[in-house]
Amino acid sequence: MTALWLGTKALIELKAEARRMFPLETGGVLVGYVGLNGEPVVQHVIGPGERAQHKRERFEPDHDWQCLQLDQMYRDSSGQFVYLGDWHTHPNGNPQMSWLDKRTLRGIARHRESGTSQPLMLIGAGAGEDWMWRAHRYRGTRLKGLAARFDSLEIRSFEG
């Protein structure tokens, strides 16, 4: 896999949520499918949920709410849109994975109900309008970074 494909609506939502919660961490779920070439295509993002806990260096999502949203997207798409991974922010930080991020991603890969053995973690770092994004994908016992910035990724536009 060499690219992460992201719908423009999803990118707008990511940036808006990052700005809204700054200087606290926020995050959510990446929803889409894996293309025939093995590259993930993110069509939708799910936000943190009303009961999420936002702190400067930690984020706890409203997991039950996110699962309900994901289930609805799965049904509405007749099973095409599935869980691809998680996203979150590192305000005033960098988009590298922390030890907790690595542990979380490994746990997702090992959790059968996630439906993926190679989950994604998209991390946004920055402040205000200036955010750098980096995608990571779990591959067995190691993590591999993808594009360093969304700006440099080839972004595919989606209707709807």
C-alpha atoms as a PDB file:
ATOM      1  CA  MET A   1       0.000   0.000   0.000  1.00  0.00           C
ATOM      2  CA  THR A   2       1.433   3.362  -0.991  1.00  0.00           C
ATOM      3  CA  ALA A   3      -1.512   5.729  -0.651  1.00  0.00           C
ATOM      4  CA  LEU A   4      -4.466   6.547   1.518  1.00  0.00           C
ATOM      5  CA  TRP A   5      -7.423   7.745  -0.496  1.00  0.00           C
ATOM      6  CA  LEU A   6      -9.619  10.249   1.329  1.00  0.00           C
ATOM      7  CA  GLY A   7     -12.870  11.808   0.221  1.00  0.00           C
ATOM      8  CA  THR A   8     -12.911  15.602   0.323  1.00  0.00           C
ATOM      9  CA  LYS A   9     -15.961  15.678   2.600  1.00  0.00           C
ATOM     10  CA  ALA A  10     -14.142  13.426   5.081  1.00  0.00           C
ATOM     11  CA  LEU A  11     -11.050  15.662   4.982  1.00  0.00           C
ATOM     12  CA  ILE A  12     -13.170  18.760   5.647  1.00  0.00           C
ATOM     13  CA  GLU A  13     -14.790  17.014   8.626  1.00  0.00           C
ATOM     14  CA  LEU A  14     -11.405  15.962  10.050  1.00  0.00           C
ATOM     15  CA  LYS A  15     -10.025  19.478   9.869  1.00  0.00           C
ATOM     16  CA  ALA A  16     -13.184  21.018  11.353  1.00  0.00           C
ATOM     17  CA  GLU A  17     -13.186  18.656  14.337  1.00  0.00           C
ATOM     18  CA  ALA A  18      -9.456  19.222  14.950  1.00  0.00           C
ATOM     19  CA  ARG A  19     -10.006  23.004  14.989  1.00  0.00           C
ATOM     20  CA  ARG A  20     -13.155  22.718  17.127  1.00  0.00           C
ATOM     21  CA  MET A  21     -11.470  20.793  19.930  1.00  0.00           C
ATOM     22  CA  PHE A  22      -8.035  22.455  19.880  1.00  0.00           C
ATOM     23  CA  PRO A  23      -6.055  22.490  22.217  1.00  0.00           C
ATOM     24  CA  LEU A  24      -7.553  19.155  23.328  1.00  0.00           C
ATOM     25  CA  GLU A  25      -7.224  15.814  21.555  1.00  0.00           C
ATOM     26  CA  THR A  26     -10.136  14.506  19.551  1.00  0.00           C
ATOM     27  CA  GLY A  27     -10.685  11.697  17.113  1.00  0.00           C
ATOM     28  CA  GLY A  28     -12.970   9.098  15.692  1.00  0.00           C
ATOM     29  CA  VAL A  29     -13.332   6.298  13.169  1.00  0.00           C
ATOM     30  CA  LEU A  30     -12.314   5.910   9.504  1.00  0.00           C
ATOM     31  CA  VAL A  31     -14.984   4.284   7.309  1.00  0.00           C
ATOM     32  CA  GLY A  32     -14.700   3.059   3.738  1.00  0.00           C
ATOM     33  CA  TYR A  33     -13.269   0.084   1.887  1.00  0.00           C
ATOM     34  CA  VAL A  34     -10.002  -1.398   0.661  1.00  0.00           C
ATOM     35  CA  GLY A  35      -9.528  -1.150  -3.107  1.00  0.00           C
ATOM     36  CA  LEU A  36      -8.519  -4.029  -5.320  1.00  0.00           C
ATOM     37  CA  ASN A  37      -4.951  -2.682  -5.248  1.00  0.00           C
ATOM     38  CA  GLY A  38      -4.892  -2.945  -1.430  1.00  0.00           C
ATOM     39  CA  GLU A  39      -5.121   0.801  -0.851  1.00  0.00           C
ATOM     40  CA  PRO A  40      -7.707   2.001   1.678  1.00  0.00           C
ATOM     41  CA  VAL A  41     -10.383   4.422   0.537  1.00  0.00           C
ATOM     42  CA  VAL A  42     -11.849   6.545   3.337  1.00  0.00           C
ATOM     43  CA  GLN A  43     -15.273   7.787   2.352  1.00  0.00           C
ATOM     44  CA  HIS A  44     -16.568   8.847   5.763  1.00  0.00           C
ATOM     45  CA  VAL A  45     -15.285   9.728   9.191  1.00  0.00           C
ATOM     46  CA  ILE A  46     -17.137   9.337  12.434  1.00  0.00           C
ATOM     47  CA  GLY A  47     -16.435  11.892  15.134  1.00  0.00           C
ATOM     48  CA  PRO A  48     -15.796  11.409  18.840  1.00  0.00           C
ATOM     49  CA  GLY A  49     -19.406  11.262  20.081  1.00  0.00           C
ATOM     50  CA  GLU A  50     -21.113  13.341  22.768  1.00  0.00           C
ATOM     51  CA  ARG A  51     -19.785  11.348  25.709  1.00  0.00           C
ATOM     52  CA  ALA A  52     -16.155  11.397  24.545  1.00  0.00           C
ATOM     53  CA  GLN A  53     -13.503  12.587  26.981  1.00  0.00           C
ATOM     54  CA  HIS A  54     -11.040  15.117  25.548  1.00  0.00           C
ATOM     55  CA  LYS A  55      -7.785  15.961  27.302  1.00  0.00           C
ATOM     56  CA  ARG A  56      -4.540  17.621  26.232  1.00  0.00           C
ATOM     57  CA  GLU A  57      -2.666  14.361  25.684  1.00  0.00           C
ATOM     58  CA  ARG A  58      -5.388  11.745  25.598  1.00  0.00           C
ATOM     59  CA  PHE A  59      -8.727  11.059  24.007  1.00  0.00           C
ATOM     60  CA  GLU A  60     -11.405   8.536  25.027  1.00  0.00           C
ATOM     61  CA  PRO A  61     -14.116   8.132  22.388  1.00  0.00           C
ATOM     62  CA  ASP A  62     -17.803   7.497  22.964  1.00  0.00           C
ATOM     63  CA  HIS A  63     -17.318   3.930  21.720  1.00  0.00           C
ATOM     64  CA  ASP A  64     -20.974   2.850  21.938  1.00  0.00           C
ATOM     65  CA  TRP A  65     -22.128   5.850  19.883  1.00  0.00           C
ATOM     66  CA  GLN A  66     -19.384   5.288  17.299  1.00  0.00           C
ATOM     67  CA  CYS A  67     -20.400   1.632  16.931  1.00  0.00           C
ATOM     68  CA  LEU A  68     -24.011   2.638  16.314  1.00  0.00           C
ATOM     69  CA  GLN A  69     -22.896   5.109  13.623  1.00  0.00           C
ATOM     70  CA  LEU A  70     -20.651   2.521  11.989  1.00  0.00           C
ATOM     71  CA  ASP A  71     -23.402  -0.110  12.011  1.00  0.00           C
ATOM     72  CA  GLN A  72     -25.768   2.361  10.329  1.00  0.00           C
ATOM     73  CA  MET A  73     -23.205   3.234   7.623  1.00  0.00           C
ATOM     74  CA  TYR A  74     -22.605  -0.476   7.011  1.00  0.00           C
ATOM     75  CA  ARG A  75     -26.339  -1.118   6.608  1.00  0.00           C
ATOM     76  CA  ASP A  76     -26.924   1.976   4.460  1.00  0.00           C
ATOM     77  CA  SER A  77     -24.106   0.934   2.107  1.00  0.00           C
ATOM     78  CA  SER A  78     -25.288  -2.699   1.898  1.00  0.00           C
ATOM     79  CA  GLY A  79     -22.039  -3.789   3.522  1.00  0.00           C
ATOM     80  CA  GLN A  80     -19.657  -1.798   1.300  1.00  0.00           C
ATOM     81  CA  PHE A  81     -18.481   0.673   3.977  1.00  0.00           C
ATOM     82  CA  VAL A  82     -16.599  -0.944   6.844  1.00  0.00           C
ATOM     83  CA  TYR A  83     -14.312  -0.013   9.691  1.00  0.00           C
ATOM     84  CA  LEU A  84     -10.795   0.824   8.432  1.00  0.00           C
ATOM     85  CA  GLY A  85      -9.249   2.233  11.583  1.00  0.00           C
ATOM     86  CA  ASP A  86      -9.156   5.235  13.878  1.00  0.00           C
ATOM     87  CA  TRP A  87      -8.076   8.852  13.642  1.00  0.00           C
ATOM     88  CA  HIS A  88      -7.101  11.356  16.307  1.00  0.00           C
ATOM     89  CA  THR A  89      -5.165  14.557  16.871  1.00  0.00           C
ATOM     90  CA  HIS A  90      -1.961  15.508  18.654  1.00  0.00           C
ATOM     91  CA  PRO A  91      -2.475  19.258  19.254  1.00  0.00           C
ATOM     92  CA  ASN A  92       0.812  21.187  19.121  1.00  0.00           C
ATOM     93  CA  GLY A  93       2.563  17.849  18.671  1.00  0.00           C
ATOM     94  CA  ASN A  94       3.690  15.682  15.797  1.00  0.00           C
ATOM     95  CA  PRO A  95       1.850  13.036  13.760  1.00  0.00           C
ATOM     96  CA  GLN A  96       4.032  10.168  14.945  1.00  0.00           C
ATOM     97  CA  MET A  97       2.506   7.343  16.916  1.00  0.00           C
ATOM     98  CA  SER A  98       3.025   7.265  20.661  1.00  0.00           C
ATOM     99  CA  TRP A  99       3.596   3.992  22.521  1.00  0.00           C
ATOM    100  CA  LEU A 100      -0.112   4.052  23.433  1.00  0.00           C
ATOM    101  CA  ASP A 101      -1.084   4.556  19.780  1.00  0.00           C
ATOM    102  CA  LYS A 102       1.046   1.543  18.806  1.00  0.00           C
ATOM    103  CA  ARG A 103      -0.471  -0.586  21.537  1.00  0.00           C
ATOM    104  CA  THR A 104      -3.975   0.499  20.525  1.00  0.00           C
ATOM    105  CA  LEU A 105      -3.409  -0.276  16.851  1.00  0.00           C
ATOM    106  CA  ARG A 106      -1.958  -3.689  17.665  1.00  0.00           C
ATOM    107  CA  GLY A 107      -4.986  -4.378  19.887  1.00  0.00           C
ATOM    108  CA  ILE A 108      -7.385  -3.428  17.096  1.00  0.00           C
ATOM    109  CA  ALA A 109      -5.588  -5.775  14.692  1.00  0.00           C
ATOM    110  CA  ARG A 110      -5.881  -8.640  17.161  1.00  0.00           C
ATOM    111  CA  HIS A 111      -9.545  -7.974  17.976  1.00  0.00           C
ATOM    112  CA  ARG A 112     -11.583 -10.185  15.657  1.00  0.00           C
ATOM    113  CA  GLU A 113     -14.664  -7.957  15.774  1.00  0.00           C
ATOM    114  CA  SER A 114     -12.737  -5.073  14.182  1.00  0.00           C
ATOM    115  CA  GLY A 115     -12.879  -6.958  10.883  1.00  0.00           C
ATOM    116  CA  THR A 116      -9.352  -5.947   9.879  1.00  0.00           C
ATOM    117  CA  SER A 117      -5.913  -7.359  10.586  1.00  0.00           C
ATOM    118  CA  GLN A 118      -4.264  -4.237   9.134  1.00  0.00           C
ATOM    119  CA  PRO A 119      -6.077  -1.256  10.683  1.00  0.00           C
ATOM    120  CA  LEU A 120      -5.198   2.344   9.948  1.00  0.00           C
ATOM    121  CA  MET A 121      -4.399   5.112  12.370  1.00  0.00           C
ATOM    122  CA  LEU A 122      -4.559   8.629  10.974  1.00  0.00           C
ATOM    123  CA  ILE A 123      -2.969  11.266  13.205  1.00  0.00           C
ATOM    124  CA  GLY A 124      -3.297  15.010  12.787  1.00  0.00           C
ATOM    125  CA  ALA A 125      -0.823  17.331  14.484  1.00  0.00           C
ATOM    126  CA  GLY A 126      -0.886  21.096  14.585  1.00  0.00           C
ATOM    127  CA  ALA A 127      -2.984  24.075  15.560  1.00  0.00           C
ATOM    128  CA  GLY A 128      -5.499  26.455  14.026  1.00  0.00           C
ATOM    129  CA  GLU A 129      -5.581  26.059  10.249  1.00  0.00           C
ATOM    130  CA  ASP A 130      -2.162  24.396  10.069  1.00  0.00           C
ATOM    131  CA  TRP A 131      -2.423  20.613  10.504  1.00  0.00           C
ATOM    132  CA  MET A 132      -0.086  17.889   9.272  1.00  0.00           C
ATOM    133  CA  TRP A 133      -1.586  14.429   8.844  1.00  0.00           C
ATOM    134  CA  ARG A 134       0.140  11.069   8.735  1.00  0.00           C
ATOM    135  CA  ALA A 135      -1.436   7.677   8.211  1.00  0.00           C
ATOM    136  CA  HIS A 136      -0.060   4.520   9.778  1.00  0.00           C
ATOM    137  CA  ARG A 137      -1.110   0.988   9.008  1.00  0.00           C
ATOM    138  CA  TYR A 138      -0.488  -2.026  11.201  1.00  0.00           C
ATOM    139  CA  ARG A 139       1.321  -4.830   9.404  1.00  0.00           C
ATOM    140  CA  GLY A 140       2.027  -7.780  11.654  1.00  0.00           C
ATOM    141  CA  THR A 141       4.625  -6.784  14.207  1.00  0.00           C
ATOM    142  CA  ARG A 142       5.660  -3.475  12.662  1.00  0.00           C
ATOM    143  CA  LEU A 143       4.074  -0.184  11.706  1.00  0.00           C
ATOM    144  CA  LYS A 144       4.620   1.535   8.415  1.00  0.00           C
ATOM    145  CA  GLY A 145       3.942   5.220   7.785  1.00  0.00           C
ATOM    146  CA  LEU A 146       2.250   6.406   4.642  1.00  0.00           C
ATOM    147  CA  ALA A 147       2.084   9.912   3.208  1.00  0.00           C
ATOM    148  CA  ALA A 148       3.402  12.560   5.580  1.00  0.00           C
ATOM    149  CA  ARG A 149       0.855  15.212   4.711  1.00  0.00           C
ATOM    150  CA  PHE A 150      -2.650  15.187   3.318  1.00  0.00           C
ATOM    151  CA  ASP A 151      -1.654  18.056   1.132  1.00  0.00           C
ATOM    152  CA  SER A 152       0.807  15.826  -0.689  1.00  0.00           C
ATOM    153  CA  LEU A 153      -1.591  12.899  -1.061  1.00  0.00           C
ATOM    154  CA  GLU A 154      -3.538  12.417  -4.202  1.00  0.00           C
ATOM    155  CA  ILE A 155      -7.070  13.073  -2.966  1.00  0.00           C
ATOM    156  CA  ARG A 156      -9.983  11.530  -4.760  1.00  0.00           C
ATOM    157  CA  SER A 157     -13.238  13.494  -4.691  1.00  0.00           C
ATOM    158  CA  PHE A 158     -16.484  11.748  -3.886  1.00  0.00           C
ATOM    159  CA  GLU A 159     -20.061  12.901  -4.365  1.00  0.00           C
ATOM    160  CA  GLY A 160     -22.416  12.904  -1.418  1.00  0.00           C
END
